Amino acid sequence: GEAGGGVTGEAAGAAWGEGGAAPAEAPGAGDPLSEDAMQRLQNLMKDPKFIERGITALDKLMAHVNQSRANALAKVESDSEAVKWLEQEISQYQPKLDALVAHLEEKQKARNALAEEIQTSKKAINDIMGESTSIMFNIITKERSLKRSEATASLTHARGYSTKIPTTSLIRQKRGGDPKK
């Protein structure tokens, strides 16, 4: 226990609040600034011109607010008219735009179909060219073979013997030798 019946630390904390801080006092109670401010305000209110100036300033402020509000409403009204005009213009051009978009889609589909047809035709032409080249080389080969056969037949007819038998073998046969040597 403490002498003199003093307050313990816990009791003091409870009296001062949870954090040990002093309890808040009512505004202006014991506050020299607010008393000073109150004194000045009371002095100003004694002057009749102060109240007139305050009312005049308030009237000007309200007039300015009302004028700003009227200007804003007028601006909204004029902007509403502009929006109506724009909507009317859009409604006039929208069908034309929709028709153009539809026409463009049709043209793109036709273009894509033509591009596909061109690719198919190009492939067919390349295939035909490949077949034609192959046939041409076969014809050239057969023509050469035919010309060789004709030349051999013509030479055989002109000489009186076959050109398939080597000339050296024929010479040996005429001399009486072995044709295979």
N, C-alpha and C. Protein backbone atom coordinates (compact mmCIF):
# COMPACT_ATOMS: atom_id res chain seq x y z
N GLY A 1 0.80 -1.15 0.00
CA GLY A 1 0.00 0.00 0.00
C GLY A 1 0.86 1.24 0.00
N GLU A 2 0.32 2.32 -0.47
CA GLU A 2 1.02 3.59 -0.50
C GLU A 2 0.53 4.44 0.65
N ALA A 3 1.41 5.23 1.14
CA ALA A 3 1.06 6.10 2.26
C ALA A 3 0.20 7.25 1.77
N GLY A 4 -0.69 7.69 2.58
CA GLY A 4 -1.51 8.85 2.24
C GLY A 4 -2.69 8.51 1.39
N GLY A 5 -2.97 7.22 1.16
CA GLY A 5 -4.16 6.84 0.39
C GLY A 5 -4.09 7.28 -1.04
N GLY A 6 -2.88 7.27 -1.65
CA GLY A 6 -2.74 7.66 -3.06
C GLY A 6 -3.35 6.64 -4.00
N VAL A 7 -3.41 6.99 -5.23
CA VAL A 7 -4.00 6.12 -6.25
C VAL A 7 -2.92 5.22 -6.81
N THR A 8 -3.22 3.94 -6.96
CA THR A 8 -2.25 3.00 -7.52
C THR A 8 -2.12 3.24 -9.02
N GLY A 9 -1.11 2.61 -9.65
CA GLY A 9 -0.86 2.78 -11.08
C GLY A 9 -2.03 2.27 -11.92
N GLU A 10 -2.62 1.15 -11.49
CA GLU A 10 -3.72 0.59 -12.26
C GLU A 10 -4.94 1.49 -12.20
N ALA A 11 -5.21 2.00 -11.03
CA ALA A 11 -6.37 2.87 -10.88
C ALA A 11 -6.17 4.16 -11.66
N ALA A 12 -4.93 4.65 -11.69
CA ALA A 12 -4.65 5.86 -12.45
C ALA A 12 -4.84 5.60 -13.94
N GLY A 13 -4.40 4.40 -14.42
CA GLY A 13 -4.56 4.06 -15.84
C GLY A 13 -6.02 3.98 -16.22
N ALA A 14 -6.84 3.45 -15.31
CA ALA A 14 -8.26 3.34 -15.60
C ALA A 14 -8.89 4.71 -15.66
N ALA A 15 -8.44 5.63 -14.78
CA ALA A 15 -9.03 6.96 -14.76
C ALA A 15 -8.61 7.74 -16.00
N TRP A 16 -7.40 7.52 -16.51
CA TRP A 16 -6.90 8.26 -17.68
C TRP A 16 -7.31 7.61 -19.00
N GLY A 17 -7.87 6.44 -18.96
CA GLY A 17 -8.25 5.77 -20.22
C GLY A 17 -7.35 4.58 -20.47
N GLU A 18 -7.65 3.83 -21.46
CA GLU A 18 -6.98 2.56 -21.73
C GLU A 18 -5.51 2.74 -22.03
N GLY A 19 -5.10 3.70 -22.77
CA GLY A 19 -3.70 3.85 -23.14
C GLY A 19 -2.93 4.71 -22.17
N GLY A 20 -3.49 5.12 -21.09
CA GLY A 20 -2.80 5.97 -20.15
C GLY A 20 -2.82 7.42 -20.58
N ALA A 21 -3.60 7.74 -21.61
CA ALA A 21 -3.66 9.11 -22.09
C ALA A 21 -4.73 9.86 -21.31
N ALA A 22 -4.59 11.15 -21.28
CA ALA A 22 -5.56 11.97 -20.58
C ALA A 22 -6.87 11.94 -21.33
N PRO A 23 -8.00 11.95 -20.64
CA PRO A 23 -9.28 11.94 -21.34
C PRO A 23 -9.47 13.24 -22.11
N ALA A 24 -10.18 13.13 -23.25
CA ALA A 24 -10.40 14.30 -24.09
C ALA A 24 -11.38 15.23 -23.42
N GLU A 25 -11.10 16.52 -23.52
CA GLU A 25 -11.99 17.50 -22.92
C GLU A 25 -12.88 18.06 -24.00
N ALA A 26 -13.94 18.69 -23.60
CA ALA A 26 -14.86 19.29 -24.55
C ALA A 26 -14.15 20.39 -25.31
N PRO A 27 -14.45 20.60 -26.60
CA PRO A 27 -13.78 21.64 -27.35
C PRO A 27 -14.01 23.01 -26.72
N GLY A 28 -12.95 23.76 -26.65
CA GLY A 28 -13.03 25.11 -26.12
C GLY A 28 -12.94 25.18 -24.60
N ALA A 29 -13.08 24.04 -23.94
CA ALA A 29 -13.03 24.04 -22.49
C ALA A 29 -11.59 24.11 -22.05
N GLY A 30 -11.15 25.20 -21.55
CA GLY A 30 -9.79 25.35 -21.06
C GLY A 30 -8.78 25.55 -22.16
N ASP A 31 -9.21 25.68 -23.41
CA ASP A 31 -8.30 25.85 -24.54
C ASP A 31 -8.18 27.35 -24.80
N PRO A 32 -6.97 27.96 -24.55
CA PRO A 32 -6.86 29.41 -24.71
C PRO A 32 -7.05 29.87 -26.15
N LEU A 33 -6.70 29.04 -27.14
CA LEU A 33 -6.87 29.45 -28.53
C LEU A 33 -8.35 29.55 -28.88
N SER A 34 -9.09 28.58 -28.51
CA SER A 34 -10.49 28.63 -28.88
C SER A 34 -11.20 29.73 -28.10
N GLU A 35 -10.80 30.01 -26.89
CA GLU A 35 -11.38 31.12 -26.15
C GLU A 35 -11.03 32.43 -26.84
N ASP A 36 -9.77 32.53 -27.30
CA ASP A 36 -9.33 33.72 -28.01
C ASP A 36 -10.11 33.89 -29.31
N ALA A 37 -10.28 32.78 -30.02
CA ALA A 37 -11.03 32.83 -31.28
C ALA A 37 -12.47 33.21 -31.01
N MET A 38 -13.04 32.68 -29.98
CA MET A 38 -14.41 33.02 -29.63
C MET A 38 -14.53 34.51 -29.29
N GLN A 39 -13.54 35.01 -28.59
CA GLN A 39 -13.55 36.43 -28.21
C GLN A 39 -13.49 37.30 -29.45
N ARG A 40 -12.63 36.93 -30.40
CA ARG A 40 -12.52 37.72 -31.64
C ARG A 40 -13.82 37.68 -32.42
N LEU A 41 -14.43 36.50 -32.52
CA LEU A 41 -15.69 36.36 -33.24
C LEU A 41 -16.78 37.21 -32.58
N GLN A 42 -16.84 37.21 -31.27
CA GLN A 42 -17.83 38.03 -30.57
C GLN A 42 -17.58 39.52 -30.82
N ASN A 43 -16.31 39.92 -30.86
CA ASN A 43 -15.99 41.32 -31.15
C ASN A 43 -16.42 41.70 -32.56
N LEU A 44 -16.16 40.76 -33.53
CA LEU A 44 -16.55 41.05 -34.91
C LEU A 44 -18.07 41.11 -35.05
N MET A 45 -18.80 40.30 -34.33
CA MET A 45 -20.25 40.27 -34.44
C MET A 45 -20.88 41.54 -33.85
N LYS A 46 -20.16 42.23 -33.04
CA LYS A 46 -20.68 43.49 -32.49
C LYS A 46 -20.73 44.55 -33.57
N ASP A 47 -19.88 44.40 -34.61
CA ASP A 47 -19.85 45.38 -35.71
C ASP A 47 -20.99 45.03 -36.67
N PRO A 48 -21.97 45.92 -36.88
CA PRO A 48 -23.09 45.62 -37.76
C PRO A 48 -22.65 45.45 -39.22
N LYS A 49 -21.58 46.07 -39.65
CA LYS A 49 -21.08 45.95 -41.02
C LYS A 49 -20.54 44.53 -41.27
N PHE A 50 -20.03 43.89 -40.24
CA PHE A 50 -19.49 42.53 -40.39
C PHE A 50 -20.59 41.57 -40.84
N ILE A 51 -21.74 41.69 -40.21
CA ILE A 51 -22.86 40.80 -40.56
C ILE A 51 -23.35 41.13 -41.96
N GLU A 52 -23.42 42.41 -42.31
CA GLU A 52 -23.84 42.79 -43.66
C GLU A 52 -22.86 42.26 -44.70
N ARG A 53 -21.54 42.41 -44.40
CA ARG A 53 -20.54 41.89 -45.35
C ARG A 53 -20.66 40.37 -45.49
N GLY A 54 -20.89 39.69 -44.38
CA GLY A 54 -21.06 38.22 -44.43
C GLY A 54 -22.26 37.82 -45.25
N ILE A 55 -23.39 38.53 -45.06
CA ILE A 55 -24.60 38.22 -45.82
C ILE A 55 -24.39 38.55 -47.29
N THR A 56 -23.73 39.67 -47.59
CA THR A 56 -23.46 40.05 -48.97
C THR A 56 -22.56 39.00 -49.65
N ALA A 57 -21.51 38.58 -48.91
CA ALA A 57 -20.61 37.55 -49.48
C ALA A 57 -21.36 36.26 -49.72
N LEU A 58 -22.25 35.91 -48.78
CA LEU A 58 -23.05 34.69 -48.93
C LEU A 58 -24.00 34.82 -50.12
N ASP A 59 -24.62 36.02 -50.28
CA ASP A 59 -25.50 36.25 -51.42
C ASP A 59 -24.74 36.13 -52.74
N LYS A 60 -23.52 36.71 -52.79
CA LYS A 60 -22.71 36.62 -54.01
C LYS A 60 -22.33 35.16 -54.31
N LEU A 61 -21.98 34.45 -53.24
CA LEU A 61 -21.61 33.04 -53.41
C LEU A 61 -22.80 32.25 -53.94
N MET A 62 -23.99 32.48 -53.39
CA MET A 62 -25.19 31.76 -53.85
C MET A 62 -25.53 32.15 -55.28
N ALA A 63 -25.36 33.45 -55.61
CA ALA A 63 -25.63 33.88 -56.98
C ALA A 63 -24.67 33.19 -57.95
N HIS A 64 -23.41 33.11 -57.54
CA HIS A 64 -22.42 32.43 -58.39
C HIS A 64 -22.76 30.95 -58.56
N VAL A 65 -23.16 30.31 -57.45
CA VAL A 65 -23.54 28.89 -57.53
C VAL A 65 -24.76 28.73 -58.42
N ASN A 66 -25.76 29.59 -58.25
CA ASN A 66 -26.97 29.50 -59.09
C ASN A 66 -26.65 29.76 -60.55
N GLN A 67 -25.76 30.73 -60.84
CA GLN A 67 -25.37 31.01 -62.23
C GLN A 67 -24.62 29.82 -62.83
N SER A 68 -23.72 29.26 -62.03
CA SER A 68 -22.97 28.08 -62.51
C SER A 68 -23.92 26.92 -62.80
N ARG A 69 -24.91 26.76 -61.94
CA ARG A 69 -25.89 25.69 -62.15
C ARG A 69 -26.69 25.96 -63.42
N ALA A 70 -27.12 27.21 -63.61
CA ALA A 70 -27.88 27.56 -64.82
C ALA A 70 -27.03 27.36 -66.07
N ASN A 71 -25.75 27.75 -66.00
CA ASN A 71 -24.84 27.54 -67.14
C ASN A 71 -24.68 26.05 -67.44
N ALA A 72 -24.55 25.25 -66.37
CA ALA A 72 -24.38 23.80 -66.56
C ALA A 72 -25.63 23.20 -67.18
N LEU A 73 -26.81 23.63 -66.73
CA LEU A 73 -28.06 23.13 -67.31
C LEU A 73 -28.20 23.54 -68.77
N ALA A 74 -27.80 24.78 -69.09
CA ALA A 74 -27.85 25.24 -70.48
C ALA A 74 -26.88 24.42 -71.34
N LYS A 75 -25.71 24.14 -70.79
CA LYS A 75 -24.72 23.33 -71.53
C LYS A 75 -25.24 21.92 -71.76
N VAL A 76 -25.89 21.36 -70.73
CA VAL A 76 -26.47 20.03 -70.88
C VAL A 76 -27.55 20.05 -71.95
N GLU A 77 -28.36 21.08 -71.96
CA GLU A 77 -29.43 21.19 -72.96
C GLU A 77 -28.85 21.30 -74.38
N SER A 78 -27.83 22.15 -74.53
CA SER A 78 -27.24 22.30 -75.86
C SER A 78 -26.52 21.01 -76.28
N ASP A 79 -25.88 20.36 -75.33
CA ASP A 79 -25.22 19.09 -75.65
C ASP A 79 -26.25 18.02 -75.99
N SER A 80 -27.41 18.07 -75.33
CA SER A 80 -28.48 17.12 -75.65
C SER A 80 -28.96 17.33 -77.08
N GLU A 81 -29.07 18.58 -77.50
CA GLU A 81 -29.47 18.88 -78.87
C GLU A 81 -28.41 18.36 -79.85
N ALA A 82 -27.15 18.56 -79.51
CA ALA A 82 -26.07 18.07 -80.38
C ALA A 82 -26.10 16.55 -80.46
N VAL A 83 -26.38 15.89 -79.35
CA VAL A 83 -26.46 14.43 -79.35
C VAL A 83 -27.63 13.96 -80.22
N LYS A 84 -28.77 14.66 -80.10
CA LYS A 84 -29.93 14.30 -80.94
C LYS A 84 -29.58 14.45 -82.42
N TRP A 85 -28.89 15.54 -82.78
CA TRP A 85 -28.50 15.76 -84.17
C TRP A 85 -27.55 14.65 -84.64
N LEU A 86 -26.58 14.30 -83.78
CA LEU A 86 -25.64 13.24 -84.14
C LEU A 86 -26.35 11.90 -84.31
N GLU A 87 -27.29 11.62 -83.43
CA GLU A 87 -28.05 10.36 -83.55
C GLU A 87 -28.85 10.33 -84.84
N GLN A 88 -29.42 11.50 -85.23
CA GLN A 88 -30.17 11.58 -86.49
C GLN A 88 -29.23 11.34 -87.67
N GLU A 89 -28.05 11.95 -87.64
CA GLU A 89 -27.07 11.75 -88.71
C GLU A 89 -26.64 10.28 -88.79
N ILE A 90 -26.39 9.69 -87.64
CA ILE A 90 -25.98 8.28 -87.60
C ILE A 90 -27.09 7.41 -88.16
N SER A 91 -28.34 7.70 -87.78
CA SER A 91 -29.45 6.88 -88.28
C SER A 91 -29.59 7.00 -89.80
N GLN A 92 -29.20 8.13 -90.38
CA GLN A 92 -29.26 8.29 -91.83
C GLN A 92 -28.16 7.49 -92.53
N TYR A 93 -26.97 7.45 -91.92
CA TYR A 93 -25.83 6.79 -92.56
C TYR A 93 -25.72 5.30 -92.21
N GLN A 94 -26.34 4.87 -91.15
CA GLN A 94 -26.19 3.49 -90.70
C GLN A 94 -26.66 2.48 -91.75
N PRO A 95 -27.84 2.66 -92.38
CA PRO A 95 -28.25 1.68 -93.41
C PRO A 95 -27.25 1.59 -94.56
N LYS A 96 -26.72 2.74 -94.97
CA LYS A 96 -25.73 2.73 -96.06
C LYS A 96 -24.48 2.00 -95.61
N LEU A 97 -24.06 2.23 -94.39
CA LEU A 97 -22.88 1.56 -93.86
C LEU A 97 -23.11 0.05 -93.76
N ASP A 98 -24.30 -0.34 -93.29
CA ASP A 98 -24.62 -1.77 -93.20
C ASP A 98 -24.60 -2.42 -94.58
N ALA A 99 -25.15 -1.72 -95.58
CA ALA A 99 -25.15 -2.25 -96.95
C ALA A 99 -23.71 -2.39 -97.47
N LEU A 100 -22.87 -1.39 -97.18
CA LEU A 100 -21.47 -1.46 -97.61
C LEU A 100 -20.74 -2.62 -96.95
N VAL A 101 -21.00 -2.82 -95.68
CA VAL A 101 -20.35 -3.92 -94.96
C VAL A 101 -20.79 -5.26 -95.55
N ALA A 102 -22.09 -5.40 -95.83
CA ALA A 102 -22.59 -6.64 -96.43
C ALA A 102 -21.98 -6.85 -97.81
N HIS A 103 -21.91 -5.77 -98.60
CA HIS A 103 -21.32 -5.86 -99.94
C HIS A 103 -19.84 -6.25 -99.86
N LEU A 104 -19.14 -5.66 -98.91
CA LEU A 104 -17.73 -5.98 -98.71
C LEU A 104 -17.55 -7.45 -98.34
N GLU A 105 -18.40 -7.95 -97.48
CA GLU A 105 -18.32 -9.37 -97.09
C GLU A 105 -18.55 -10.27 -98.30
N GLU A 106 -19.53 -9.91 -99.14
CA GLU A 106 -19.80 -10.68 -100.36
C GLU A 106 -18.57 -10.66 -101.28
N LYS A 107 -17.98 -9.48 -101.46
CA LYS A 107 -16.81 -9.36 -102.33
C LYS A 107 -15.64 -10.17 -101.79
N GLN A 108 -15.46 -10.16 -100.46
CA GLN A 108 -14.37 -10.94 -99.88
C GLN A 108 -14.61 -12.44 -100.07
N LYS A 109 -15.85 -12.89 -99.92
CA LYS A 109 -16.16 -14.30 -100.15
C LYS A 109 -15.89 -14.67 -101.61
N ALA A 110 -16.33 -13.79 -102.55
CA ALA A 110 -16.10 -14.05 -103.98
C ALA A 110 -14.60 -14.06 -104.27
N ARG A 111 -13.86 -13.14 -103.66
CA ARG A 111 -12.40 -13.09 -103.86
C ARG A 111 -11.75 -14.37 -103.36
N ASN A 112 -12.17 -14.82 -102.19
CA ASN A 112 -11.59 -16.05 -101.64
C ASN A 112 -11.93 -17.25 -102.52
N ALA A 113 -13.17 -17.30 -103.05
CA ALA A 113 -13.56 -18.39 -103.94
C ALA A 113 -12.73 -18.36 -105.22
N LEU A 114 -12.53 -17.16 -105.77
CA LEU A 114 -11.72 -17.03 -106.99
C LEU A 114 -10.27 -17.42 -106.73
N ALA A 115 -9.73 -17.02 -105.58
CA ALA A 115 -8.35 -17.38 -105.25
C ALA A 115 -8.22 -18.90 -105.16
N GLU A 116 -9.21 -19.54 -104.56
CA GLU A 116 -9.18 -21.01 -104.45
C GLU A 116 -9.28 -21.65 -105.84
N GLU A 117 -10.16 -21.09 -106.69
CA GLU A 117 -10.31 -21.61 -108.05
C GLU A 117 -9.02 -21.42 -108.85
N ILE A 118 -8.37 -20.27 -108.66
CA ILE A 118 -7.10 -20.02 -109.35
C ILE A 118 -6.05 -21.03 -108.90
N GLN A 119 -6.00 -21.31 -107.61
CA GLN A 119 -5.03 -22.29 -107.10
C GLN A 119 -5.30 -23.67 -107.70
N THR A 120 -6.58 -24.04 -107.77
CA THR A 120 -6.94 -25.33 -108.35
C THR A 120 -6.55 -25.38 -109.83
N SER A 121 -6.85 -24.30 -110.56
CA SER A 121 -6.51 -24.24 -111.99
C SER A 121 -5.00 -24.27 -112.18
N LYS A 122 -4.28 -23.55 -111.34
CA LYS A 122 -2.81 -23.53 -111.43
C LYS A 122 -2.24 -24.93 -111.22
N LYS A 123 -2.78 -25.64 -110.24
CA LYS A 123 -2.31 -27.01 -109.98
C LYS A 123 -2.62 -27.91 -111.19
N ALA A 124 -3.82 -27.76 -111.75
CA ALA A 124 -4.19 -28.57 -112.92
C ALA A 124 -3.28 -28.26 -114.10
N ILE A 125 -2.98 -26.99 -114.33
CA ILE A 125 -2.09 -26.59 -115.43
C ILE A 125 -0.69 -27.15 -115.21
N ASN A 126 -0.20 -27.06 -113.98
CA ASN A 126 1.13 -27.63 -113.68
C ASN A 126 1.15 -29.13 -113.89
N ASP A 127 0.06 -29.83 -113.52
CA ASP A 127 -0.02 -31.28 -113.75
C ASP A 127 -0.02 -31.59 -115.24
N ILE A 128 -0.79 -30.81 -116.02
CA ILE A 128 -0.85 -31.01 -117.48
C ILE A 128 0.52 -30.75 -118.09
N MET A 129 1.20 -29.70 -117.62
CA MET A 129 2.54 -29.42 -118.15
C MET A 129 3.51 -30.56 -117.82
N GLY A 130 3.41 -31.11 -116.63
CA GLY A 130 4.26 -32.25 -116.27
C GLY A 130 4.00 -33.46 -117.15
N GLU A 131 2.71 -33.75 -117.37
CA GLU A 131 2.35 -34.88 -118.24
C GLU A 131 2.81 -34.61 -119.68
N SER A 132 2.64 -33.37 -120.15
CA SER A 132 3.05 -33.01 -121.51
C SER A 132 4.56 -33.16 -121.67
N THR A 133 5.31 -32.73 -120.68
CA THR A 133 6.77 -32.86 -120.73
C THR A 133 7.16 -34.33 -120.77
N SER A 134 6.51 -35.14 -119.94
CA SER A 134 6.80 -36.58 -119.93
C SER A 134 6.47 -37.21 -121.28
N ILE A 135 5.33 -36.85 -121.84
CA ILE A 135 4.93 -37.39 -123.15
C ILE A 135 5.91 -36.92 -124.22
N MET A 136 6.32 -35.67 -124.16
CA MET A 136 7.27 -35.14 -125.14
C MET A 136 8.59 -35.92 -125.10
N PHE A 137 9.12 -36.16 -123.88
CA PHE A 137 10.37 -36.92 -123.78
C PHE A 137 10.20 -38.34 -124.28
N ASN A 138 9.03 -38.96 -124.02
CA ASN A 138 8.77 -40.31 -124.55
C ASN A 138 8.73 -40.29 -126.08
N ILE A 139 8.10 -39.26 -126.64
CA ILE A 139 8.01 -39.14 -128.11
C ILE A 139 9.41 -38.95 -128.70
N ILE A 140 10.22 -38.09 -128.08
CA ILE A 140 11.59 -37.86 -128.58
C ILE A 140 12.39 -39.15 -128.54
N THR A 141 12.25 -39.88 -127.41
CA THR A 141 12.97 -41.16 -127.29
C THR A 141 12.51 -42.15 -128.36
N LYS A 142 11.19 -42.25 -128.55
CA LYS A 142 10.66 -43.18 -129.56
C LYS A 142 11.04 -42.73 -130.97
N GLU A 143 11.06 -41.42 -131.21
CA GLU A 143 11.45 -40.91 -132.52
C GLU A 143 12.90 -41.28 -132.81
N ARG A 144 13.78 -41.08 -131.84
CA ARG A 144 15.19 -41.45 -132.03
C ARG A 144 15.32 -42.96 -132.31
N SER A 145 14.58 -43.74 -131.53
CA SER A 145 14.63 -45.20 -131.74
C SER A 145 14.12 -45.56 -133.13
N LEU A 146 13.03 -44.90 -133.54
CA LEU A 146 12.47 -45.16 -134.86
C LEU A 146 13.44 -44.74 -135.96
N LYS A 147 14.07 -43.56 -135.80
CA LYS A 147 15.02 -43.09 -136.80
C LYS A 147 16.22 -44.04 -136.87
N ARG A 148 16.68 -44.51 -135.70
CA ARG A 148 17.79 -45.46 -135.68
C ARG A 148 17.40 -46.75 -136.43
N SER A 149 16.16 -47.21 -136.14
CA SER A 149 15.69 -48.44 -136.81
C SER A 149 15.58 -48.22 -138.31
N GLU A 150 15.06 -47.07 -138.72
CA GLU A 150 14.94 -46.76 -140.15
C GLU A 150 16.33 -46.66 -140.80
N ALA A 151 17.26 -46.01 -140.10
CA ALA A 151 18.62 -45.88 -140.64
C ALA A 151 19.27 -47.25 -140.78
N THR A 152 19.07 -48.09 -139.76
CA THR A 152 19.64 -49.44 -139.81
C THR A 152 19.02 -50.24 -140.96
N ALA A 153 17.71 -50.15 -141.12
CA ALA A 153 17.02 -50.87 -142.21
C ALA A 153 17.49 -50.35 -143.57
N SER A 154 17.63 -49.02 -143.67
CA SER A 154 18.07 -48.42 -144.93
C SER A 154 19.50 -48.85 -145.25
N LEU A 155 20.36 -48.83 -144.20
CA LEU A 155 21.75 -49.25 -144.40
C LEU A 155 21.85 -50.73 -144.74
N THR A 156 21.04 -51.55 -144.07
CA THR A 156 21.02 -52.99 -144.35
C THR A 156 20.57 -53.22 -145.80
N HIS A 157 19.57 -52.50 -146.24
CA HIS A 157 19.07 -52.64 -147.59
C HIS A 157 20.11 -52.18 -148.62
N ALA A 158 20.80 -51.07 -148.28
CA ALA A 158 21.78 -50.54 -149.21
C ALA A 158 23.01 -51.44 -149.27
N ARG A 159 23.47 -51.97 -148.17
CA ARG A 159 24.68 -52.78 -148.13
C ARG A 159 24.42 -54.23 -148.53
N GLY A 160 23.27 -54.69 -148.20
CA GLY A 160 22.96 -56.07 -148.51
C GLY A 160 23.21 -56.99 -147.34
N TYR A 161 23.61 -56.50 -146.23
CA TYR A 161 23.80 -57.32 -145.04
C TYR A 161 23.40 -56.51 -143.80
N SER A 162 23.27 -57.21 -142.70
CA SER A 162 22.81 -56.59 -141.46
C SER A 162 23.92 -55.77 -140.82
N THR A 163 23.54 -54.65 -140.29
CA THR A 163 24.53 -53.79 -139.62
C THR A 163 24.73 -54.23 -138.18
N LYS A 164 23.96 -55.19 -137.75
CA LYS A 164 24.10 -55.67 -136.38
C LYS A 164 25.33 -56.56 -136.26
N ILE A 165 25.76 -57.12 -137.34
CA ILE A 165 26.96 -57.95 -137.30
C ILE A 165 28.15 -57.02 -137.51
N PRO A 166 29.15 -57.09 -136.63
CA PRO A 166 30.30 -56.21 -136.77
C PRO A 166 31.01 -56.44 -138.11
N THR A 167 31.55 -55.35 -138.65
CA THR A 167 32.22 -55.38 -139.95
C THR A 167 33.43 -56.30 -139.93
N THR A 168 34.17 -56.32 -138.86
CA THR A 168 35.36 -57.19 -138.75
C THR A 168 34.97 -58.65 -138.89
N SER A 169 33.82 -59.03 -138.35
CA SER A 169 33.37 -60.43 -138.47
C SER A 169 33.04 -60.75 -139.91
N LEU A 170 32.45 -59.80 -140.60
CA LEU A 170 32.11 -60.03 -142.00
C LEU A 170 33.37 -60.16 -142.86
N ILE A 171 34.40 -59.36 -142.58
CA ILE A 171 35.66 -59.42 -143.33
C ILE A 171 36.33 -60.77 -143.08
N ARG A 172 36.32 -61.22 -141.90
CA ARG A 172 36.95 -62.51 -141.58
C ARG A 172 36.21 -63.64 -142.27
N GLN A 173 34.91 -63.54 -142.34
CA GLN A 173 34.13 -64.59 -142.99
C GLN A 173 34.51 -64.66 -144.47
N LYS A 174 34.73 -63.52 -145.11
CA LYS A 174 35.05 -63.51 -146.52
C LYS A 174 36.46 -64.09 -146.74
N ARG A 175 37.34 -63.92 -145.82
CA ARG A 175 38.68 -64.45 -145.94
C ARG A 175 38.73 -65.91 -145.57
N GLY A 176 37.72 -66.38 -144.94
CA GLY A 176 37.68 -67.77 -144.57
C GLY A 176 38.07 -68.01 -143.15
N GLY A 177 38.17 -67.03 -142.35
CA GLY A 177 38.57 -67.20 -140.96
C GLY A 177 37.37 -67.41 -140.06
N ASP A 178 37.69 -67.55 -138.79
CA ASP A 178 36.66 -67.76 -137.77
C ASP A 178 36.02 -66.40 -137.46
N PRO A 179 34.75 -66.28 -137.68
CA PRO A 179 34.11 -64.97 -137.47
C PRO A 179 34.08 -64.53 -136.00
N LYS A 180 34.31 -65.44 -135.04
CA LYS A 180 34.20 -65.09 -133.63
C LYS A 180 35.51 -64.59 -133.06
N LYS A 181 36.60 -64.67 -133.79
CA LYS A 181 37.89 -64.21 -133.27
C LYS A 181 38.00 -62.73 -133.27
